[in-house]
């Protein structure tokens, strides 16, 4: 009976270590792309809404692209 418990614990530990390694992996830093006063989405290259920039001044993605990236 303890064999499957040991195996389960080993699998859980390995999964935890993979998660920690992924969390520590450096993320690419993106700066805003601007065309005049308009901020351009880093993915689709369409303008990011002024309201979004007002709420999140450092946004680099439009709402649609951000939703796709977070999936």
PDB file of N, CA and C in Angstrom:
ATOM      1  N   UNK A   1       0.820  -1.190   0.000  1.00  0.00           N
ATOM      2  CA  UNK A   1       0.000   0.000   0.000  1.00  0.00           C
ATOM      3  C   UNK A   1       0.868   1.260   0.000  1.00  0.00           C
ATOM      4  N   UNK A   2       1.992   1.221   0.644  1.00  0.00           N
ATOM      5  CA  UNK A   2       2.820   2.421   0.726  1.00  0.00           C
ATOM      6  C   UNK A   2       3.487   2.760  -0.602  1.00  0.00           C
ATOM      7  N   UNK A   3       3.579   1.796  -1.520  1.00  0.00           N
ATOM      8  CA  UNK A   3       4.191   2.075  -2.822  1.00  0.00           C
ATOM      9  C   UNK A   3       3.414   3.132  -3.596  1.00  0.00           C
ATOM     10  N   UNK A   4       2.096   3.016  -3.626  1.00  0.00           N
ATOM     11  CA  UNK A   4       1.310   4.002  -4.375  1.00  0.00           C
ATOM     12  C   UNK A   4       1.299   5.345  -3.671  1.00  0.00           C
ATOM     13  N   UNK A   5       1.417   5.336  -2.350  1.00  0.00           N
ATOM     14  CA  UNK A   5       1.503   6.593  -1.597  1.00  0.00           C
ATOM     15  C   UNK A   5       2.822   7.283  -1.918  1.00  0.00           C
ATOM     16  N   UNK A   6       3.913   6.518  -1.907  1.00  0.00           N
ATOM     17  CA  UNK A   6       5.225   7.078  -2.238  1.00  0.00           C
ATOM     18  C   UNK A   6       5.239   7.628  -3.663  1.00  0.00           C
ATOM     19  N   UNK A   7       4.644   6.882  -4.585  1.00  0.00           N
ATOM     20  CA  UNK A   7       4.601   7.327  -5.979  1.00  0.00           C
ATOM     21  C   UNK A   7       3.792   8.615  -6.101  1.00  0.00           C
ATOM     22  N   UNK A   8       2.671   8.672  -5.422  1.00  0.00           N
ATOM     23  CA  UNK A   8       1.826   9.864  -5.461  1.00  0.00           C
ATOM     24  C   UNK A   8       2.557  11.074  -4.889  1.00  0.00           C
ATOM     25  N   UNK A   9       3.239  10.885  -3.777  1.00  0.00           N
ATOM     26  CA  UNK A   9       4.000  11.981  -3.172  1.00  0.00           C
ATOM     27  C   UNK A   9       5.124  12.448  -4.093  1.00  0.00           C
ATOM     28  N   UNK A  10       5.789  11.510  -4.748  1.00  0.00           N
ATOM     29  CA  UNK A  10       6.862  11.859  -5.685  1.00  0.00           C
ATOM     30  C   UNK A  10       6.318  12.659  -6.859  1.00  0.00           C
ATOM     31  N   UNK A  11       5.167  12.244  -7.379  1.00  0.00           N
ATOM     32  CA  UNK A  11       4.548  12.963  -8.494  1.00  0.00           C
ATOM     33  C   UNK A  11       4.121  14.368  -8.073  1.00  0.00           C
ATOM     34  N   UNK A  12       3.569  14.489  -6.878  1.00  0.00           N
ATOM     35  CA  UNK A  12       3.165  15.804  -6.380  1.00  0.00           C
ATOM     36  C   UNK A  12       4.373  16.714  -6.196  1.00  0.00           C
ATOM     37  N   UNK A  13       5.455  16.170  -5.672  1.00  0.00           N
ATOM     38  CA  UNK A  13       6.673  16.954  -5.469  1.00  0.00           C
ATOM     39  C   UNK A  13       7.240  17.410  -6.810  1.00  0.00           C
ATOM     40  N   UNK A  14       7.247  16.524  -7.800  1.00  0.00           N
ATOM     41  CA  UNK A  14       7.757  16.876  -9.123  1.00  0.00           C
ATOM     42  C   UNK A  14       6.907  17.974  -9.755  1.00  0.00           C
ATOM     43  N   UNK A  15       5.594  17.877  -9.617  1.00  0.00           N
ATOM     44  CA  UNK A  15       4.690  18.893 -10.162  1.00  0.00           C
ATOM     45  C   UNK A  15       4.918  20.237  -9.474  1.00  0.00           C
ATOM     46  N   UNK A  16       5.098  20.210  -8.183  1.00  0.00           N
ATOM     47  CA  UNK A  16       5.372  21.433  -7.427  1.00  0.00           C
ATOM     48  C   UNK A  16       6.683  22.072  -7.889  1.00  0.00           C
ATOM     49  N   UNK A  17       7.706  21.269  -8.074  1.00  0.00           N
ATOM     50  CA  UNK A  17       9.002  21.785  -8.526  1.00  0.00           C
ATOM     51  C   UNK A  17       8.903  22.371  -9.931  1.00  0.00           C
ATOM     52  N   UNK A  18       8.118  21.748 -10.815  1.00  0.00           N
ATOM     53  CA  UNK A  18       7.919  22.304 -12.165  1.00  0.00           C
ATOM     54  C   UNK A  18       7.215  23.652 -12.088  1.00  0.00           C
ATOM     55  N   UNK A  19       6.218  23.746 -11.212  1.00  0.00           N
ATOM     56  CA  UNK A  19       5.500  25.009 -11.040  1.00  0.00           C
ATOM     57  C   UNK A  19       6.394  26.120 -10.511  1.00  0.00           C
ATOM     58  N   UNK A  20       7.234  25.782  -9.552  1.00  0.00           N
ATOM     59  CA  UNK A  20       8.165  26.772  -9.000  1.00  0.00           C
ATOM     60  C   UNK A  20       9.152  27.222 -10.071  1.00  0.00           C
ATOM     61  N   UNK A  21       9.679  26.286 -10.840  1.00  0.00           N
ATOM     62  CA  UNK A  21      10.625  26.636 -11.904  1.00  0.00           C
ATOM     63  C   UNK A  21       9.967  27.539 -12.937  1.00  0.00           C
ATOM     64  N   UNK A  22       8.725  27.254 -13.280  1.00  0.00           N
ATOM     65  CA  UNK A  22       8.007  28.079 -14.245  1.00  0.00           C
ATOM     66  C   UNK A  22       7.765  29.481 -13.695  1.00  0.00           C
ATOM     67  N   UNK A  23       7.420  29.576 -12.426  1.00  0.00           N
ATOM     68  CA  UNK A  23       7.175  30.884 -11.808  1.00  0.00           C
ATOM     69  C   UNK A  23       8.450  31.717 -11.732  1.00  0.00           C
ATOM     70  N   UNK A  24       9.575  31.076 -11.584  1.00  0.00           N
ATOM     71  CA  UNK A  24      10.853  31.791 -11.487  1.00  0.00           C
ATOM     72  C   UNK A  24      11.425  32.168 -12.847  1.00  0.00           C
ATOM     73  N   UNK A  25      10.911  31.576 -13.898  1.00  0.00           N
ATOM     74  CA  UNK A  25      11.417  31.847 -15.242  1.00  0.00           C
ATOM     75  C   UNK A  25      11.184  33.317 -15.581  1.00  0.00           C
ATOM     76  N   UNK A  26      12.211  34.008 -16.063  1.00  0.00           N
ATOM     77  CA  UNK A  26      12.030  35.432 -16.364  1.00  0.00           C
ATOM     78  C   UNK A  26      11.017  35.647 -17.483  1.00  0.00           C
ATOM     79  N   UNK A  27      10.210  36.657 -17.323  1.00  0.00           N
ATOM     80  CA  UNK A  27       9.202  37.008 -18.318  1.00  0.00           C
ATOM     81  C   UNK A  27       9.768  38.113 -19.213  1.00  0.00           C
ATOM     82  N   UNK A  28       9.446  38.086 -20.497  1.00  0.00           N
ATOM     83  CA  UNK A  28       9.943  39.150 -21.371  1.00  0.00           C
ATOM     84  C   UNK A  28       9.343  40.501 -20.975  1.00  0.00           C
ATOM     85  N   UNK A  29      10.175  41.501 -20.967  1.00  0.00           N
ATOM     86  CA  UNK A  29       9.719  42.844 -20.633  1.00  0.00           C
ATOM     87  C   UNK A  29       9.282  43.521 -21.923  1.00  0.00           C
ATOM     88  N   UNK A  30       8.099  44.041 -21.906  1.00  0.00           N
ATOM     89  CA  UNK A  30       7.588  44.728 -23.088  1.00  0.00           C
ATOM     90  C   UNK A  30       7.348  46.181 -22.747  1.00  0.00           C
ATOM     91  N   UNK A  31       7.716  47.020 -23.648  1.00  0.00           N
ATOM     92  CA  UNK A  31       7.425  48.435 -23.476  1.00  0.00           C
ATOM     93  C   UNK A  31       6.296  48.796 -24.426  1.00  0.00           C
ATOM     94  N   UNK A  32       5.635  49.867 -24.127  1.00  0.00           N
ATOM     95  CA  UNK A  32       4.521  50.294 -24.963  1.00  0.00           C
ATOM     96  C   UNK A  32       5.021  50.766 -26.321  1.00  0.00           C
ATOM     97  N   UNK A  33       4.266  50.417 -27.333  1.00  0.00           N
ATOM     98  CA  UNK A  33       4.512  50.934 -28.677  1.00  0.00           C
ATOM     99  C   UNK A  33       3.557  52.090 -28.877  1.00  0.00           C
ATOM    100  N   UNK A  34       4.096  53.204 -29.283  1.00  0.00           N
ATOM    101  CA  UNK A  34       3.244  54.375 -29.474  1.00  0.00           C
ATOM    102  C   UNK A  34       3.365  54.890 -30.899  1.00  0.00           C
ATOM    103  N   UNK A  35       2.256  55.400 -31.378  1.00  0.00           N
ATOM    104  CA  UNK A  35       2.203  56.086 -32.660  1.00  0.00           C
ATOM    105  C   UNK A  35       1.567  57.427 -32.353  1.00  0.00           C
ATOM    106  N   UNK A  36       2.408  58.413 -32.150  1.00  0.00           N
ATOM    107  CA  UNK A  36       1.900  59.696 -31.677  1.00  0.00           C
ATOM    108  C   UNK A  36       1.428  59.535 -30.246  1.00  0.00           C
ATOM    109  N   UNK A  37       0.180  59.866 -29.987  1.00  0.00           N
ATOM    110  CA  UNK A  37      -0.394  59.718 -28.648  1.00  0.00           C
ATOM    111  C   UNK A  37      -1.146  58.406 -28.474  1.00  0.00           C
ATOM    112  N   UNK A  38      -1.176  57.584 -29.508  1.00  0.00           N
ATOM    113  CA  UNK A  38      -1.935  56.329 -29.478  1.00  0.00           C
ATOM    114  C   UNK A  38      -1.004  55.185 -29.085  1.00  0.00           C
ATOM    115  N   UNK A  39      -1.450  54.361 -28.131  1.00  0.00           N
ATOM    116  CA  UNK A  39      -0.685  53.183 -27.718  1.00  0.00           C
ATOM    117  C   UNK A  39      -1.173  51.994 -28.539  1.00  0.00           C
ATOM    118  N   UNK A  40      -0.228  51.256 -29.106  1.00  0.00           N
ATOM    119  CA  UNK A  40      -0.529  50.143 -30.006  1.00  0.00           C
ATOM    120  C   UNK A  40      -0.346  48.814 -29.266  1.00  0.00           C
ATOM    121  N   UNK A  41      -1.275  47.881 -29.483  1.00  0.00           N
ATOM    122  CA  UNK A  41      -1.198  46.548 -28.884  1.00  0.00           C
ATOM    123  C   UNK A  41       0.038  45.812 -29.413  1.00  0.00           C
ATOM    124  N   UNK A  42       0.777  45.177 -28.519  1.00  0.00           N
ATOM    125  CA  UNK A  42       1.989  44.455 -28.898  1.00  0.00           C
ATOM    126  C   UNK A  42       1.689  43.196 -29.708  1.00  0.00           C
ATOM    127  N   UNK A  43       0.472  42.668 -29.647  1.00  0.00           N
ATOM    128  CA  UNK A  43       0.102  41.457 -30.387  1.00  0.00           C
ATOM    129  C   UNK A  43      -0.511  41.769 -31.740  1.00  0.00           C
ATOM    130  N   UNK A  44      -1.649  42.465 -31.721  1.00  0.00           N
ATOM    131  CA  UNK A  44      -2.423  42.661 -32.957  1.00  0.00           C
ATOM    132  C   UNK A  44      -2.104  43.974 -33.668  1.00  0.00           C
ATOM    133  N   UNK A  45      -1.343  44.840 -33.021  1.00  0.00           N
ATOM    134  CA  UNK A  45      -0.931  46.134 -33.581  1.00  0.00           C
ATOM    135  C   UNK A  45      -2.088  47.098 -33.817  1.00  0.00           C
ATOM    136  N   UNK A  46      -3.201  46.868 -33.130  1.00  0.00           N
ATOM    137  CA  UNK A  46      -4.330  47.798 -33.192  1.00  0.00           C
ATOM    138  C   UNK A  46      -4.230  48.750 -32.005  1.00  0.00           C
ATOM    139  N   UNK A  47      -4.839  49.932 -32.111  1.00  0.00           N
ATOM    140  CA  UNK A  47      -4.790  50.879 -30.990  1.00  0.00           C
ATOM    141  C   UNK A  47      -5.475  50.312 -29.740  1.00  0.00           C
ATOM    142  N   UNK A  48      -4.871  50.564 -28.592  1.00  0.00           N
ATOM    143  CA  UNK A  48      -5.472  50.205 -27.311  1.00  0.00           C
ATOM    144  C   UNK A  48      -6.392  51.350 -26.922  1.00  0.00           C
ATOM    145  N   UNK A  49      -7.574  51.024 -26.435  1.00  0.00           N
ATOM    146  CA  UNK A  49      -8.561  52.062 -26.122  1.00  0.00           C
ATOM    147  C   UNK A  49      -8.006  53.058 -25.102  1.00  0.00           C
ATOM    148  N   UNK A  50      -8.409  54.307 -25.282  1.00  0.00           N
ATOM    149  CA  UNK A  50      -7.972  55.366 -24.371  1.00  0.00           C
ATOM    150  C   UNK A  50      -8.434  55.066 -22.949  1.00  0.00           C
ATOM    151  N   UNK A  51      -9.609  54.471 -22.813  1.00  0.00           N
ATOM    152  CA  UNK A  51     -10.135  54.132 -21.482  1.00  0.00           C
ATOM    153  C   UNK A  51      -9.236  53.109 -20.796  1.00  0.00           C
ATOM    154  N   UNK A  52      -8.781  52.109 -21.549  1.00  0.00           N
ATOM    155  CA  UNK A  52      -7.879  51.094 -20.975  1.00  0.00           C
ATOM    156  C   UNK A  52      -6.565  51.736 -20.539  1.00  0.00           C
ATOM    157  N   UNK A  53      -6.029  52.607 -21.352  1.00  0.00           N
ATOM    158  CA  UNK A  53      -4.780  53.291 -21.004  1.00  0.00           C
ATOM    159  C   UNK A  53      -4.993  54.193 -19.787  1.00  0.00           C
ATOM    160  N   UNK A  54      -6.168  54.782 -19.702  1.00  0.00           N
ATOM    161  CA  UNK A  54      -6.483  55.619 -18.537  1.00  0.00           C
ATOM    162  C   UNK A  54      -6.499  54.774 -17.256  1.00  0.00           C
ATOM    163  N   UNK A  55      -7.095  53.582 -17.343  1.00  0.00           N
ATOM    164  CA  UNK A  55      -7.190  52.702 -16.174  1.00  0.00           C
ATOM    165  C   UNK A  55      -5.881  51.968 -15.882  1.00  0.00           C
ATOM    166  N   UNK A  56      -5.191  51.548 -16.945  1.00  0.00           N
ATOM    167  CA  UNK A  56      -3.941  50.796 -16.822  1.00  0.00           C
ATOM    168  C   UNK A  56      -2.885  51.465 -17.702  1.00  0.00           C
ATOM    169  N   UNK A  57      -2.236  52.498 -17.199  1.00  0.00           N
ATOM    170  CA  UNK A  57      -1.334  53.322 -18.014  1.00  0.00           C
ATOM    171  C   UNK A  57      -0.177  52.568 -18.675  1.00  0.00           C
ATOM    172  N   UNK A  58       0.229  51.441 -18.130  1.00  0.00           N
ATOM    173  CA  UNK A  58       1.369  50.718 -18.695  1.00  0.00           C
ATOM    174  C   UNK A  58       0.944  49.520 -19.547  1.00  0.00           C
ATOM    175  N   UNK A  59      -0.310  49.489 -19.973  1.00  0.00           N
ATOM    176  CA  UNK A  59      -0.817  48.375 -20.786  1.00  0.00           C
ATOM    177  C   UNK A  59      -0.019  48.240 -22.074  1.00  0.00           C
ATOM    178  N   UNK A  60       0.258  46.998 -22.442  1.00  0.00           N
ATOM    179  CA  UNK A  60       0.940  46.725 -23.706  1.00  0.00           C
ATOM    180  C   UNK A  60       0.062  45.908 -24.651  1.00  0.00           C
ATOM    181  N   UNK A  61      -1.107  45.463 -24.161  1.00  0.00           N
ATOM    182  CA  UNK A  61      -2.012  44.649 -24.974  1.00  0.00           C
ATOM    183  C   UNK A  61      -3.439  45.172 -24.859  1.00  0.00           C
ATOM    184  N   UNK A  62      -4.195  45.013 -25.936  1.00  0.00           N
ATOM    185  CA  UNK A  62      -5.615  45.348 -25.892  1.00  0.00           C
ATOM    186  C   UNK A  62      -6.339  44.266 -25.081  1.00  0.00           C
ATOM    187  N   UNK A  63      -7.571  44.524 -24.730  1.00  0.00           N
ATOM    188  CA  UNK A  63      -8.341  43.593 -23.894  1.00  0.00           C
ATOM    189  C   UNK A  63      -8.485  42.239 -24.583  1.00  0.00           C
ATOM    190  N   UNK A  64      -8.755  42.238 -25.875  1.00  0.00           N
ATOM    191  CA  UNK A  64      -8.974  40.984 -26.602  1.00  0.00           C
ATOM    192  C   UNK A  64      -7.714  40.118 -26.604  1.00  0.00           C
ATOM    193  N   UNK A  65      -6.572  40.717 -26.915  1.00  0.00           N
ATOM    194  CA  UNK A  65      -5.322  39.950 -26.959  1.00  0.00           C
ATOM    195  C   UNK A  65      -4.907  39.488 -25.569  1.00  0.00           C
ATOM    196  N   UNK A  66      -5.109  40.318 -24.578  1.00  0.00           N
ATOM    197  CA  UNK A  66      -4.766  39.937 -23.214  1.00  0.00           C
ATOM    198  C   UNK A  66      -5.585  38.723 -22.780  1.00  0.00           C
ATOM    199  N   UNK A  67      -6.861  38.699 -23.139  1.00  0.00           N
ATOM    200  CA  UNK A  67      -7.715  37.555 -22.797  1.00  0.00           C
ATOM    201  C   UNK A  67      -7.200  36.279 -23.457  1.00  0.00           C
ATOM    202  N   UNK A  68      -6.758  36.374 -24.700  1.00  0.00           N
ATOM    203  CA  UNK A  68      -6.220  35.202 -25.398  1.00  0.00           C
ATOM    204  C   UNK A  68      -4.907  34.738 -24.777  1.00  0.00           C
ATOM    205  N   UNK A  69      -4.063  35.681 -24.392  1.00  0.00           N
ATOM    206  CA  UNK A  69      -2.772  35.331 -23.803  1.00  0.00           C
ATOM    207  C   UNK A  69      -2.915  34.696 -22.432  1.00  0.00           C
ATOM    208  N   UNK A  70      -3.959  35.046 -21.712  1.00  0.00           N
ATOM    209  CA  UNK A  70      -4.152  34.523 -20.360  1.00  0.00           C
ATOM    210  C   UNK A  70      -4.786  33.142 -20.337  1.00  0.00           C
ATOM    211  N   UNK A  71      -5.226  32.641 -21.475  1.00  0.00           N
ATOM    212  CA  UNK A  71      -5.827  31.296 -21.529  1.00  0.00           C
ATOM    213  C   UNK A  71      -4.772  30.230 -21.404  1.00  0.00           C
TER     214      UNK A  71
END
